[in-house]
Amino acid sequence: MINVIIADDQKIVREGLKMILSLDNEIKVIGEVDNGQDLIELLKKNIYPDVILMDIRMPIINGVDATKIIKEKFSHIKIIILTTFNEDEYIFTGIRNGADGYILKDAGFDEISKAIKTACAGNILLNPEVASKIIKEFNKLSPNKAINYNKEKLNLLTKREMDVAILVGQGKSNKDICNELFLTEGTIKNYLTKIFEKLNLASRTELALFIDQLNY
């Protein structure tokens, strides 16, 4: 069973998501909140979901800031940010803050259900249009300079770290990488920690975009 918390300031959205998720017997909604502060307080009460569906525009603490706070304290919780096409300015920041993926608010049942299961399994989750916008943000200032600089940063990685990074860029989960490289999951996690530090990245999703940008 995958436990989910819904964080959205619009009651109609929360009710709609609960109704949609009730159709999947592998997913259970264990809580709902209408702002980031209440979400953090809920987690402090030891109510831990596997996945949080996080709205961006919420009062007190918005979804992007709440993502950063939660990921710093509860890194095992997967966070999927709910977005619309007019929230471009928040998308890149959300990834930097550790979001595990994005889905559009108007997504249907199949897409939302699949998104939750994908994130819970440790895989990359990005709507293609959202991914395109994030890559454009990477290249906005100076595309060639950014790409060359990022290629130079890859020289900081060992061969094995590079192998892991490329497989993450291909959308592989930790389990997939373990099987391919004949390593334990603990070893993979240690490699990822070192990769994030060396490349100054905050999340698996950001690493995947980083690698994709360089056409590996």
N, C-alpha and C. Protein backbone atom coordinates (compact mmCIF):
# COMPACT_ATOMS: atom_id res chain seq x y z
N MET A 1 0.84 -1.20 0.00
CA MET A 1 0.00 0.00 0.00
C MET A 1 0.88 1.25 0.00
N ILE A 2 0.58 2.19 -0.88
CA ILE A 2 1.31 3.46 -0.94
C ILE A 2 0.50 4.53 -0.23
N ASN A 3 1.06 5.09 0.84
CA ASN A 3 0.38 6.13 1.60
C ASN A 3 0.68 7.51 1.04
N VAL A 4 -0.37 8.30 0.88
CA VAL A 4 -0.25 9.61 0.23
C VAL A 4 -0.86 10.71 1.09
N ILE A 5 -0.20 11.88 1.10
CA ILE A 5 -0.78 13.09 1.69
C ILE A 5 -0.98 14.09 0.56
N ILE A 6 -2.13 14.74 0.55
CA ILE A 6 -2.44 15.76 -0.45
C ILE A 6 -2.31 17.14 0.19
N ALA A 7 -1.49 18.01 -0.42
CA ALA A 7 -1.32 19.38 0.08
C ALA A 7 -1.75 20.35 -1.00
N ASP A 8 -2.91 20.97 -0.82
CA ASP A 8 -3.44 21.93 -1.79
C ASP A 8 -4.41 22.85 -1.07
N ASP A 9 -4.34 24.14 -1.36
CA ASP A 9 -5.18 25.09 -0.63
C ASP A 9 -6.62 25.13 -1.15
N GLN A 10 -6.89 24.45 -2.26
CA GLN A 10 -8.25 24.42 -2.80
C GLN A 10 -8.93 23.10 -2.42
N LYS A 11 -10.01 23.23 -1.65
CA LYS A 11 -10.70 22.03 -1.18
C LYS A 11 -11.22 21.19 -2.33
N ILE A 12 -11.69 21.83 -3.38
CA ILE A 12 -12.26 21.09 -4.51
C ILE A 12 -11.19 20.24 -5.19
N VAL A 13 -9.95 20.75 -5.20
CA VAL A 13 -8.84 19.98 -5.78
C VAL A 13 -8.52 18.77 -4.90
N ARG A 14 -8.47 19.00 -3.59
CA ARG A 14 -8.18 17.90 -2.67
C ARG A 14 -9.25 16.81 -2.77
N GLU A 15 -10.51 17.23 -2.81
CA GLU A 15 -11.60 16.26 -2.90
C GLU A 15 -11.54 15.48 -4.21
N GLY A 16 -11.20 16.19 -5.29
CA GLY A 16 -11.09 15.53 -6.58
C GLY A 16 -9.97 14.50 -6.61
N LEU A 17 -8.83 14.87 -6.02
CA LEU A 17 -7.70 13.94 -5.97
C LEU A 17 -8.03 12.73 -5.11
N LYS A 18 -8.69 12.97 -3.98
CA LYS A 18 -9.07 11.84 -3.11
C LYS A 18 -10.00 10.89 -3.84
N MET A 19 -10.94 11.44 -4.59
CA MET A 19 -11.88 10.60 -5.32
C MET A 19 -11.15 9.78 -6.38
N ILE A 20 -10.24 10.43 -7.10
CA ILE A 20 -9.47 9.73 -8.13
C ILE A 20 -8.63 8.61 -7.53
N LEU A 21 -7.93 8.93 -6.44
CA LEU A 21 -7.03 7.95 -5.84
C LEU A 21 -7.77 6.81 -5.17
N SER A 22 -9.02 7.04 -4.79
CA SER A 22 -9.81 5.97 -4.16
C SER A 22 -10.11 4.84 -5.14
N LEU A 23 -9.92 5.11 -6.43
CA LEU A 23 -10.17 4.09 -7.45
C LEU A 23 -9.03 3.09 -7.56
N ASP A 24 -7.90 3.41 -6.92
CA ASP A 24 -6.73 2.53 -6.97
C ASP A 24 -6.56 1.86 -5.61
N ASN A 25 -6.70 0.55 -5.56
CA ASN A 25 -6.63 -0.16 -4.27
C ASN A 25 -5.20 -0.33 -3.75
N GLU A 26 -4.22 0.21 -4.49
CA GLU A 26 -2.83 0.17 -4.03
C GLU A 26 -2.40 1.50 -3.40
N ILE A 27 -3.31 2.48 -3.42
CA ILE A 27 -2.99 3.82 -2.91
C ILE A 27 -3.99 4.22 -1.84
N LYS A 28 -3.49 4.79 -0.75
CA LYS A 28 -4.35 5.23 0.35
C LYS A 28 -3.99 6.65 0.75
N VAL A 29 -4.98 7.54 0.77
CA VAL A 29 -4.76 8.92 1.23
C VAL A 29 -4.86 8.93 2.75
N ILE A 30 -3.76 9.28 3.42
CA ILE A 30 -3.73 9.25 4.89
C ILE A 30 -3.82 10.64 5.51
N GLY A 31 -3.88 11.67 4.67
CA GLY A 31 -3.99 13.02 5.22
C GLY A 31 -4.12 14.06 4.13
N GLU A 32 -4.63 15.22 4.51
CA GLU A 32 -4.73 16.34 3.59
C GLU A 32 -4.56 17.64 4.36
N VAL A 33 -3.92 18.62 3.72
CA VAL A 33 -3.70 19.93 4.34
C VAL A 33 -3.88 21.00 3.28
N ASP A 34 -4.06 22.25 3.75
CA ASP A 34 -4.25 23.33 2.79
C ASP A 34 -3.12 24.35 2.78
N ASN A 35 -2.02 24.05 3.50
CA ASN A 35 -0.85 24.93 3.44
C ASN A 35 0.40 24.17 3.86
N GLY A 36 1.55 24.73 3.50
CA GLY A 36 2.81 24.05 3.77
C GLY A 36 3.14 23.91 5.25
N GLN A 37 2.74 24.89 6.04
CA GLN A 37 3.03 24.83 7.47
C GLN A 37 2.31 23.66 8.13
N ASP A 38 1.04 23.49 7.81
CA ASP A 38 0.28 22.37 8.38
C ASP A 38 0.84 21.02 7.91
N LEU A 39 1.35 21.00 6.70
CA LEU A 39 1.96 19.77 6.18
C LEU A 39 3.18 19.39 7.01
N ILE A 40 4.04 20.35 7.28
CA ILE A 40 5.24 20.10 8.07
C ILE A 40 4.86 19.67 9.49
N GLU A 41 3.86 20.31 10.06
CA GLU A 41 3.41 19.94 11.41
C GLU A 41 2.85 18.52 11.43
N LEU A 42 2.18 18.13 10.36
CA LEU A 42 1.64 16.77 10.27
C LEU A 42 2.77 15.74 10.28
N LEU A 43 3.83 16.04 9.57
CA LEU A 43 4.98 15.12 9.53
C LEU A 43 5.67 15.04 10.88
N LYS A 44 5.68 16.15 11.60
CA LYS A 44 6.30 16.16 12.93
C LYS A 44 5.54 15.27 13.92
N LYS A 45 4.28 14.96 13.59
CA LYS A 45 3.48 14.08 14.43
C LYS A 45 3.69 12.60 14.06
N ASN A 46 4.74 12.37 13.29
CA ASN A 46 5.11 11.02 12.86
C ASN A 46 4.08 10.38 11.93
N ILE A 47 3.40 11.23 11.18
CA ILE A 47 2.51 10.73 10.13
C ILE A 47 3.29 10.82 8.82
N TYR A 48 3.89 9.70 8.43
CA TYR A 48 4.79 9.71 7.29
C TYR A 48 4.17 9.06 6.06
N PRO A 49 3.97 9.82 5.01
CA PRO A 49 3.48 9.23 3.76
C PRO A 49 4.66 8.70 2.94
N ASP A 50 4.35 7.89 1.96
CA ASP A 50 5.37 7.51 0.98
C ASP A 50 5.53 8.62 -0.05
N VAL A 51 4.40 9.26 -0.37
CA VAL A 51 4.38 10.29 -1.41
C VAL A 51 3.52 11.46 -0.96
N ILE A 52 3.98 12.67 -1.29
CA ILE A 52 3.17 13.88 -1.07
C ILE A 52 2.84 14.48 -2.43
N LEU A 53 1.56 14.75 -2.67
CA LEU A 53 1.14 15.53 -3.83
C LEU A 53 1.10 16.98 -3.39
N MET A 54 1.99 17.80 -3.93
CA MET A 54 2.23 19.14 -3.40
C MET A 54 1.83 20.24 -4.39
N ASP A 55 0.88 21.06 -3.99
CA ASP A 55 0.53 22.24 -4.77
C ASP A 55 1.63 23.29 -4.60
N ILE A 56 1.82 24.14 -5.59
CA ILE A 56 2.84 25.18 -5.50
C ILE A 56 2.34 26.38 -4.71
N ARG A 57 1.20 26.91 -5.11
CA ARG A 57 0.70 28.16 -4.52
C ARG A 57 -0.18 27.88 -3.31
N MET A 58 0.45 27.83 -2.14
CA MET A 58 -0.29 27.65 -0.89
C MET A 58 0.10 28.76 0.08
N PRO A 59 -0.81 29.13 1.00
CA PRO A 59 -0.50 30.19 1.97
C PRO A 59 0.48 29.73 3.05
N ILE A 60 1.00 30.70 3.77
CA ILE A 60 1.93 30.53 4.90
C ILE A 60 3.29 30.01 4.41
N ILE A 61 3.33 28.76 3.96
CA ILE A 61 4.54 28.22 3.32
C ILE A 61 4.11 27.60 1.99
N ASN A 62 4.66 28.09 0.88
CA ASN A 62 4.25 27.56 -0.41
C ASN A 62 4.87 26.18 -0.67
N GLY A 63 4.44 25.55 -1.74
CA GLY A 63 4.87 24.19 -2.01
C GLY A 63 6.35 24.04 -2.30
N VAL A 64 6.93 25.03 -2.97
CA VAL A 64 8.36 24.98 -3.30
C VAL A 64 9.21 25.06 -2.03
N ASP A 65 8.87 26.00 -1.15
CA ASP A 65 9.62 26.14 0.11
C ASP A 65 9.39 24.94 1.03
N ALA A 66 8.15 24.45 1.05
CA ALA A 66 7.84 23.28 1.88
C ALA A 66 8.62 22.06 1.41
N THR A 67 8.80 21.95 0.10
CA THR A 67 9.58 20.84 -0.45
C THR A 67 11.00 20.85 0.09
N LYS A 68 11.61 22.02 0.10
CA LYS A 68 12.99 22.13 0.60
C LYS A 68 13.08 21.73 2.07
N ILE A 69 12.16 22.24 2.88
CA ILE A 69 12.17 21.95 4.32
C ILE A 69 11.97 20.45 4.56
N ILE A 70 11.01 19.87 3.86
CA ILE A 70 10.70 18.45 4.06
C ILE A 70 11.84 17.56 3.60
N LYS A 71 12.42 17.87 2.46
CA LYS A 71 13.51 17.05 1.94
C LYS A 71 14.74 17.09 2.85
N GLU A 72 14.94 18.21 3.53
CA GLU A 72 16.08 18.31 4.45
C GLU A 72 15.88 17.45 5.69
N LYS A 73 14.63 17.27 6.11
CA LYS A 73 14.33 16.53 7.34
C LYS A 73 13.82 15.11 7.09
N PHE A 74 13.13 14.93 5.97
CA PHE A 74 12.52 13.63 5.67
C PHE A 74 12.85 13.26 4.22
N SER A 75 14.11 13.00 3.95
CA SER A 75 14.56 12.82 2.57
C SER A 75 13.94 11.59 1.89
N HIS A 76 13.45 10.64 2.69
CA HIS A 76 12.88 9.42 2.11
C HIS A 76 11.50 9.64 1.51
N ILE A 77 10.84 10.73 1.88
CA ILE A 77 9.49 10.99 1.37
C ILE A 77 9.58 11.53 -0.06
N LYS A 78 8.82 10.94 -0.96
CA LYS A 78 8.79 11.40 -2.34
C LYS A 78 7.79 12.55 -2.48
N ILE A 79 8.19 13.56 -3.22
CA ILE A 79 7.32 14.73 -3.40
C ILE A 79 7.06 14.95 -4.89
N ILE A 80 5.78 14.92 -5.26
CA ILE A 80 5.36 15.22 -6.62
C ILE A 80 4.66 16.58 -6.59
N ILE A 81 5.17 17.51 -7.36
CA ILE A 81 4.58 18.84 -7.37
C ILE A 81 3.51 18.93 -8.46
N LEU A 82 2.36 19.46 -8.06
CA LEU A 82 1.25 19.69 -8.99
C LEU A 82 1.43 21.07 -9.59
N THR A 83 1.44 21.15 -10.91
CA THR A 83 1.74 22.42 -11.55
C THR A 83 0.78 22.72 -12.69
N THR A 84 0.79 23.97 -13.13
CA THR A 84 0.04 24.39 -14.31
C THR A 84 1.03 25.04 -15.27
N PHE A 85 0.60 25.30 -16.47
CA PHE A 85 1.51 25.85 -17.47
C PHE A 85 1.99 27.26 -17.14
N ASN A 86 1.29 27.99 -16.27
CA ASN A 86 1.69 29.37 -15.98
C ASN A 86 2.55 29.49 -14.73
N GLU A 87 3.17 28.41 -14.29
CA GLU A 87 3.99 28.45 -13.08
C GLU A 87 5.45 28.11 -13.38
N ASP A 88 5.92 28.54 -14.57
CA ASP A 88 7.28 28.21 -15.00
C ASP A 88 8.33 28.64 -14.00
N GLU A 89 8.13 29.81 -13.38
CA GLU A 89 9.17 30.37 -12.51
C GLU A 89 9.43 29.50 -11.28
N TYR A 90 8.47 28.65 -10.93
CA TYR A 90 8.62 27.80 -9.75
C TYR A 90 9.20 26.43 -10.06
N ILE A 91 9.10 26.02 -11.30
CA ILE A 91 9.45 24.64 -11.65
C ILE A 91 10.92 24.34 -11.38
N PHE A 92 11.81 25.19 -11.87
CA PHE A 92 13.24 24.94 -11.71
C PHE A 92 13.62 24.98 -10.23
N THR A 93 13.06 25.93 -9.49
CA THR A 93 13.36 26.03 -8.06
C THR A 93 12.89 24.78 -7.32
N GLY A 94 11.75 24.26 -7.70
CA GLY A 94 11.25 23.05 -7.07
C GLY A 94 12.19 21.87 -7.24
N ILE A 95 12.74 21.72 -8.44
CA ILE A 95 13.71 20.66 -8.69
C ILE A 95 14.95 20.88 -7.85
N ARG A 96 15.42 22.12 -7.77
CA ARG A 96 16.59 22.43 -6.95
C ARG A 96 16.33 22.10 -5.48
N ASN A 97 15.09 22.24 -5.07
CA ASN A 97 14.74 21.98 -3.67
C ASN A 97 14.50 20.50 -3.37
N GLY A 98 14.60 19.66 -4.39
CA GLY A 98 14.53 18.23 -4.15
C GLY A 98 13.27 17.52 -4.61
N ALA A 99 12.39 18.22 -5.33
CA ALA A 99 11.16 17.56 -5.81
C ALA A 99 11.50 16.34 -6.66
N ASP A 100 10.72 15.29 -6.49
CA ASP A 100 10.97 14.05 -7.22
C ASP A 100 10.28 14.02 -8.58
N GLY A 101 9.44 15.01 -8.84
CA GLY A 101 8.79 15.05 -10.13
C GLY A 101 7.65 16.05 -10.17
N TYR A 102 7.11 16.21 -11.36
CA TYR A 102 6.01 17.14 -11.60
C TYR A 102 4.94 16.44 -12.41
N ILE A 103 3.68 16.74 -12.11
CA ILE A 103 2.60 16.38 -13.01
C ILE A 103 1.68 17.59 -13.14
N LEU A 104 0.99 17.67 -14.25
CA LEU A 104 0.07 18.77 -14.46
C LEU A 104 -1.21 18.54 -13.68
N LYS A 105 -1.79 19.64 -13.20
CA LYS A 105 -2.98 19.54 -12.35
C LYS A 105 -4.17 18.91 -13.05
N ASP A 106 -4.20 19.00 -14.37
CA ASP A 106 -5.35 18.45 -15.10
C ASP A 106 -5.12 17.00 -15.54
N ALA A 107 -4.12 16.36 -14.95
CA ALA A 107 -3.83 14.96 -15.31
C ALA A 107 -5.00 14.05 -14.93
N GLY A 108 -5.19 13.00 -15.69
CA GLY A 108 -6.27 12.06 -15.42
C GLY A 108 -5.88 10.99 -14.42
N PHE A 109 -6.81 10.08 -14.14
CA PHE A 109 -6.59 9.04 -13.14
C PHE A 109 -5.35 8.20 -13.43
N ASP A 110 -5.25 7.69 -14.66
CA ASP A 110 -4.13 6.81 -14.99
C ASP A 110 -2.79 7.49 -14.79
N GLU A 111 -2.70 8.75 -15.21
CA GLU A 111 -1.43 9.48 -15.11
C GLU A 111 -1.05 9.75 -13.66
N ILE A 112 -2.04 10.15 -12.84
CA ILE A 112 -1.75 10.44 -11.43
C ILE A 112 -1.36 9.16 -10.69
N SER A 113 -2.10 8.09 -10.92
CA SER A 113 -1.79 6.82 -10.27
C SER A 113 -0.41 6.33 -10.66
N LYS A 114 -0.10 6.40 -11.95
CA LYS A 114 1.21 5.97 -12.44
C LYS A 114 2.31 6.85 -11.87
N ALA A 115 2.04 8.15 -11.76
CA ALA A 115 3.04 9.09 -11.23
C ALA A 115 3.41 8.73 -9.80
N ILE A 116 2.42 8.44 -8.99
CA ILE A 116 2.67 8.09 -7.59
C ILE A 116 3.49 6.81 -7.49
N LYS A 117 3.13 5.81 -8.27
CA LYS A 117 3.85 4.53 -8.22
C LYS A 117 5.26 4.67 -8.79
N THR A 118 5.42 5.51 -9.80
CA THR A 118 6.74 5.74 -10.39
C THR A 118 7.67 6.41 -9.39
N ALA A 119 7.18 7.46 -8.74
CA ALA A 119 8.00 8.17 -7.75
C ALA A 119 8.33 7.27 -6.57
N CYS A 120 7.35 6.50 -6.12
CA CYS A 120 7.55 5.62 -4.97
C CYS A 120 8.62 4.56 -5.26
N ALA A 121 8.72 4.17 -6.52
CA ALA A 121 9.72 3.16 -6.92
C ALA A 121 11.11 3.76 -7.10
N GLY A 122 11.21 5.08 -6.96
CA GLY A 122 12.51 5.73 -7.08
C GLY A 122 12.87 6.12 -8.49
N ASN A 123 11.89 6.14 -9.38
CA ASN A 123 12.16 6.51 -10.77
C ASN A 123 11.89 7.98 -11.01
N ILE A 124 12.40 8.48 -12.12
CA ILE A 124 12.24 9.88 -12.48
C ILE A 124 10.84 10.12 -13.02
N LEU A 125 10.26 11.23 -12.62
CA LEU A 125 8.89 11.54 -13.03
C LEU A 125 8.80 12.98 -13.50
N LEU A 126 8.70 13.16 -14.83
CA LEU A 126 8.54 14.50 -15.37
C LEU A 126 7.63 14.45 -16.59
N ASN A 127 6.60 15.28 -16.58
CA ASN A 127 5.80 15.48 -17.77
C ASN A 127 6.74 16.02 -18.87
N PRO A 128 6.66 15.52 -20.11
CA PRO A 128 7.58 15.96 -21.17
C PRO A 128 7.64 17.47 -21.36
N GLU A 129 6.48 18.14 -21.28
CA GLU A 129 6.47 19.59 -21.47
C GLU A 129 7.17 20.29 -20.32
N VAL A 130 7.00 19.77 -19.11
CA VAL A 130 7.66 20.34 -17.94
C VAL A 130 9.17 20.13 -18.05
N ALA A 131 9.58 18.94 -18.46
CA ALA A 131 11.01 18.64 -18.61
C ALA A 131 11.65 19.59 -19.61
N SER A 132 10.94 19.87 -20.69
CA SER A 132 11.46 20.78 -21.71
C SER A 132 11.70 22.17 -21.14
N LYS A 133 10.78 22.63 -20.30
CA LYS A 133 10.92 23.96 -19.69
C LYS A 133 12.12 24.01 -18.75
N ILE A 134 12.35 22.93 -18.02
CA ILE A 134 13.47 22.91 -17.07
C ILE A 134 14.79 22.93 -17.82
N ILE A 135 14.88 22.17 -18.90
CA ILE A 135 16.11 22.15 -19.69
C ILE A 135 16.38 23.53 -20.28
N LYS A 136 15.33 24.23 -20.68
CA LYS A 136 15.50 25.59 -21.19
C LYS A 136 16.05 26.51 -20.11
N GLU A 137 15.62 26.30 -18.87
CA GLU A 137 16.14 27.10 -17.77
C GLU A 137 17.63 26.85 -17.58
N PHE A 138 18.07 25.61 -17.73
CA PHE A 138 19.49 25.29 -17.63
C PHE A 138 20.29 26.10 -18.64
N ASN A 139 19.72 26.28 -19.83
CA ASN A 139 20.47 26.88 -20.94
C ASN A 139 20.16 28.35 -21.17
N LYS A 140 19.32 28.95 -20.35
CA LYS A 140 18.80 30.28 -20.62
C LYS A 140 19.90 31.34 -20.78
N LEU A 141 20.85 31.36 -19.86
CA LEU A 141 21.86 32.43 -19.87
C LEU A 141 22.81 32.30 -21.06
N SER A 142 23.37 31.15 -21.26
CA SER A 142 24.30 30.92 -22.37
C SER A 142 24.39 29.42 -22.63
N PRO A 143 23.65 28.92 -23.61
CA PRO A 143 23.57 27.49 -23.83
C PRO A 143 24.92 26.80 -23.98
N ASN A 144 25.76 27.29 -24.87
CA ASN A 144 27.05 26.63 -25.11
C ASN A 144 27.95 26.68 -23.89
N LYS A 145 27.97 27.84 -23.24
CA LYS A 145 28.80 28.00 -22.04
C LYS A 145 28.32 27.06 -20.94
N ALA A 146 27.00 26.97 -20.78
CA ALA A 146 26.44 26.11 -19.73
C ALA A 146 26.79 24.65 -19.98
N ILE A 147 26.65 24.21 -21.23
CA ILE A 147 26.93 22.82 -21.57
C ILE A 147 28.41 22.50 -21.37
N ASN A 148 29.29 23.39 -21.85
CA ASN A 148 30.73 23.16 -21.70
C ASN A 148 31.12 23.13 -20.23
N TYR A 149 30.54 24.04 -19.44
CA TYR A 149 30.85 24.09 -18.01
C TYR A 149 30.41 22.81 -17.32
N ASN A 150 29.22 22.34 -17.67
CA ASN A 150 28.71 21.12 -17.04
C ASN A 150 29.49 19.88 -17.46
N LYS A 151 29.96 19.87 -18.70
CA LYS A 151 30.80 18.75 -19.14
C LYS A 151 32.10 18.72 -18.35
N GLU A 152 32.65 19.90 -18.06
CA GLU A 152 33.87 19.97 -17.26
C GLU A 152 33.62 19.46 -15.85
N LYS A 153 32.43 19.74 -15.31
CA LYS A 153 32.11 19.28 -13.96
C LYS A 153 32.09 17.75 -13.88
N LEU A 154 31.75 17.11 -14.99
CA LEU A 154 31.71 15.64 -14.98
C LEU A 154 33.09 15.03 -14.75
N ASN A 155 34.14 15.80 -15.02
CA ASN A 155 35.50 15.31 -14.78
C ASN A 155 35.77 15.07 -13.30
N LEU A 156 34.91 15.64 -12.45
CA LEU A 156 35.06 15.45 -11.01
C LEU A 156 34.62 14.05 -10.57
N LEU A 157 33.86 13.39 -11.43
CA LEU A 157 33.32 12.08 -11.08
C LEU A 157 34.30 10.96 -11.40
N THR A 158 34.28 9.92 -10.56
CA THR A 158 35.04 8.71 -10.88
C THR A 158 34.29 7.96 -11.98
N LYS A 159 34.94 6.96 -12.56
CA LYS A 159 34.30 6.19 -13.63
C LYS A 159 33.01 5.54 -13.13
N ARG A 160 33.04 4.97 -11.93
CA ARG A 160 31.87 4.30 -11.41
C ARG A 160 30.76 5.30 -11.11
N GLU A 161 31.11 6.47 -10.56
CA GLU A 161 30.12 7.52 -10.32
C GLU A 161 29.48 7.95 -11.63
N MET A 162 30.30 8.04 -12.68
CA MET A 162 29.78 8.42 -13.99
C MET A 162 28.82 7.36 -14.51
N ASP A 163 29.16 6.09 -14.31
CA ASP A 163 28.26 5.01 -14.73
C ASP A 163 26.89 5.15 -14.05
N VAL A 164 26.91 5.42 -12.76
CA VAL A 164 25.67 5.58 -11.99
C VAL A 164 24.89 6.79 -12.50
N ALA A 165 25.59 7.91 -12.71
CA ALA A 165 24.93 9.14 -13.16
C ALA A 165 24.24 8.94 -14.51
N ILE A 166 24.91 8.27 -15.43
CA ILE A 166 24.33 8.04 -16.76
C ILE A 166 23.09 7.16 -16.67
N LEU A 167 23.13 6.15 -15.82
CA LEU A 167 21.96 5.27 -15.67
C LEU A 167 20.78 6.02 -15.04
N VAL A 168 21.07 6.93 -14.10
CA VAL A 168 20.01 7.77 -13.55
C VAL A 168 19.42 8.63 -14.66
N GLY A 169 20.29 9.15 -15.52
CA GLY A 169 19.84 9.97 -16.65
C GLY A 169 18.96 9.20 -17.61
N GLN A 170 19.12 7.89 -17.63
CA GLN A 170 18.29 7.03 -18.49
C GLN A 170 16.98 6.64 -17.82
N GLY A 171 16.78 7.17 -16.60
CA GLY A 171 15.52 6.90 -15.89
C GLY A 171 15.52 5.62 -15.09
N LYS A 172 16.69 5.04 -14.86
CA LYS A 172 16.77 3.78 -14.12
C LYS A 172 16.59 4.02 -12.61
N SER A 173 15.91 3.10 -11.95
CA SER A 173 15.76 3.16 -10.50
C SER A 173 17.01 2.60 -9.85
N ASN A 174 17.14 2.77 -8.53
CA ASN A 174 18.29 2.21 -7.81
C ASN A 174 18.37 0.70 -8.00
N LYS A 175 17.21 0.05 -7.98
CA LYS A 175 17.18 -1.41 -8.15
C LYS A 175 17.70 -1.80 -9.53
N ASP A 176 17.30 -1.05 -10.55
CA ASP A 176 17.78 -1.32 -11.91
C ASP A 176 19.29 -1.16 -11.99
N ILE A 177 19.79 -0.08 -11.35
CA ILE A 177 21.23 0.20 -11.39
C ILE A 177 22.00 -0.89 -10.65
N CYS A 178 21.45 -1.35 -9.53
CA CYS A 178 22.08 -2.45 -8.77
C CYS A 178 22.26 -3.67 -9.66
N ASN A 179 21.21 -4.02 -10.37
CA ASN A 179 21.25 -5.21 -11.22
C ASN A 179 22.23 -5.05 -12.38
N GLU A 180 22.31 -3.83 -12.91
CA GLU A 180 23.17 -3.61 -14.07
C GLU A 180 24.64 -3.53 -13.70
N LEU A 181 24.93 -2.93 -12.54
CA LEU A 181 26.33 -2.73 -12.13
C LEU A 181 26.79 -3.75 -11.09
N PHE A 182 25.89 -4.63 -10.68
CA PHE A 182 26.21 -5.66 -9.68
C PHE A 182 26.71 -5.04 -8.37
N LEU A 183 25.96 -4.04 -7.91
CA LEU A 183 26.28 -3.35 -6.66
C LEU A 183 25.08 -3.41 -5.73
N THR A 184 25.30 -3.18 -4.44
CA THR A 184 24.19 -3.14 -3.49
C THR A 184 23.49 -1.79 -3.56
N GLU A 185 22.25 -1.75 -3.07
CA GLU A 185 21.51 -0.49 -3.09
C GLU A 185 22.17 0.54 -2.18
N GLY A 186 22.76 0.09 -1.08
CA GLY A 186 23.46 1.01 -0.19
C GLY A 186 24.64 1.66 -0.87
N THR A 187 25.35 0.89 -1.68
CA THR A 187 26.49 1.43 -2.43
C THR A 187 26.02 2.46 -3.45
N ILE A 188 24.92 2.17 -4.13
CA ILE A 188 24.36 3.11 -5.11
C ILE A 188 23.99 4.42 -4.43
N LYS A 189 23.36 4.34 -3.27
CA LYS A 189 22.98 5.55 -2.53
C LYS A 189 24.20 6.37 -2.14
N ASN A 190 25.28 5.68 -1.75
CA ASN A 190 26.52 6.38 -1.39
C ASN A 190 27.10 7.09 -2.61
N TYR A 191 27.07 6.41 -3.76
CA TYR A 191 27.56 7.04 -4.99
C TYR A 191 26.73 8.28 -5.33
N LEU A 192 25.41 8.17 -5.19
CA LEU A 192 24.54 9.30 -5.52
C LEU A 192 24.82 10.49 -4.61
N THR A 193 25.06 10.23 -3.33
CA THR A 193 25.38 11.31 -2.40
C THR A 193 26.64 12.04 -2.85
N LYS A 194 27.66 11.29 -3.26
CA LYS A 194 28.91 11.89 -3.72
C LYS A 194 28.71 12.65 -5.02
N ILE A 195 27.89 12.09 -5.91
CA ILE A 195 27.61 12.75 -7.19
C ILE A 195 26.91 14.09 -6.97
N PHE A 196 25.89 14.09 -6.11
CA PHE A 196 25.17 15.33 -5.81
C PHE A 196 26.12 16.39 -5.27
N GLU A 197 27.01 15.98 -4.38
CA GLU A 197 27.95 16.93 -3.78
C GLU A 197 28.91 17.49 -4.83
N LYS A 198 29.47 16.63 -5.66
CA LYS A 198 30.45 17.06 -6.66
C LYS A 198 29.84 17.95 -7.74
N LEU A 199 28.62 17.66 -8.12
CA LEU A 199 27.97 18.41 -9.20
C LEU A 199 27.09 19.55 -8.67
N ASN A 200 27.01 19.67 -7.35
CA ASN A 200 26.19 20.70 -6.71
C ASN A 200 24.73 20.58 -7.14
N LEU A 201 24.22 19.37 -7.07
CA LEU A 201 22.83 19.09 -7.41
C LEU A 201 22.07 18.68 -6.16
N ALA A 202 20.76 18.86 -6.20
CA ALA A 202 19.96 18.63 -4.99
C ALA A 202 19.11 17.37 -5.04
N SER A 203 18.90 16.82 -6.22
CA SER A 203 17.97 15.69 -6.30
C SER A 203 18.29 14.78 -7.47
N ARG A 204 17.71 13.61 -7.43
CA ARG A 204 17.84 12.63 -8.51
C ARG A 204 17.27 13.18 -9.82
N THR A 205 16.15 13.89 -9.70
CA THR A 205 15.52 14.46 -10.89
C THR A 205 16.43 15.49 -11.54
N GLU A 206 17.06 16.32 -10.72
CA GLU A 206 17.97 17.33 -11.26
C GLU A 206 19.17 16.67 -11.93
N LEU A 207 19.67 15.58 -11.36
CA LEU A 207 20.78 14.85 -11.97
C LEU A 207 20.37 14.30 -13.33
N ALA A 208 19.16 13.75 -13.42
CA ALA A 208 18.68 13.20 -14.69
C ALA A 208 18.61 14.27 -15.76
N LEU A 209 18.15 15.45 -15.39
CA LEU A 209 18.07 16.56 -16.34
C LEU A 209 19.46 17.04 -16.73
N PHE A 210 20.37 17.07 -15.77
CA PHE A 210 21.75 17.47 -16.01
C PHE A 210 22.38 16.55 -17.05
N ILE A 211 22.21 15.24 -16.88
CA ILE A 211 22.78 14.27 -17.81
C ILE A 211 22.09 14.35 -19.17
N ASP A 212 20.78 14.52 -19.17
CA ASP A 212 20.02 14.61 -20.42
C ASP A 212 20.47 15.81 -21.24
N GLN A 213 20.75 16.91 -20.55
CA GLN A 213 21.18 18.14 -21.22
C GLN A 213 22.48 17.91 -21.99
N LEU A 214 23.32 17.01 -21.48
CA LEU A 214 24.62 16.76 -22.11
C LEU A 214 24.57 15.63 -23.13
N ASN A 215 23.34 15.13 -23.38
CA ASN A 215 23.11 14.11 -24.42
C ASN A 215 23.84 12.79 -24.16
N TYR A 216 23.88 12.36 -22.89
CA TYR A 216 24.47 11.06 -22.58
C TYR A 216 23.40 9.98 -22.68
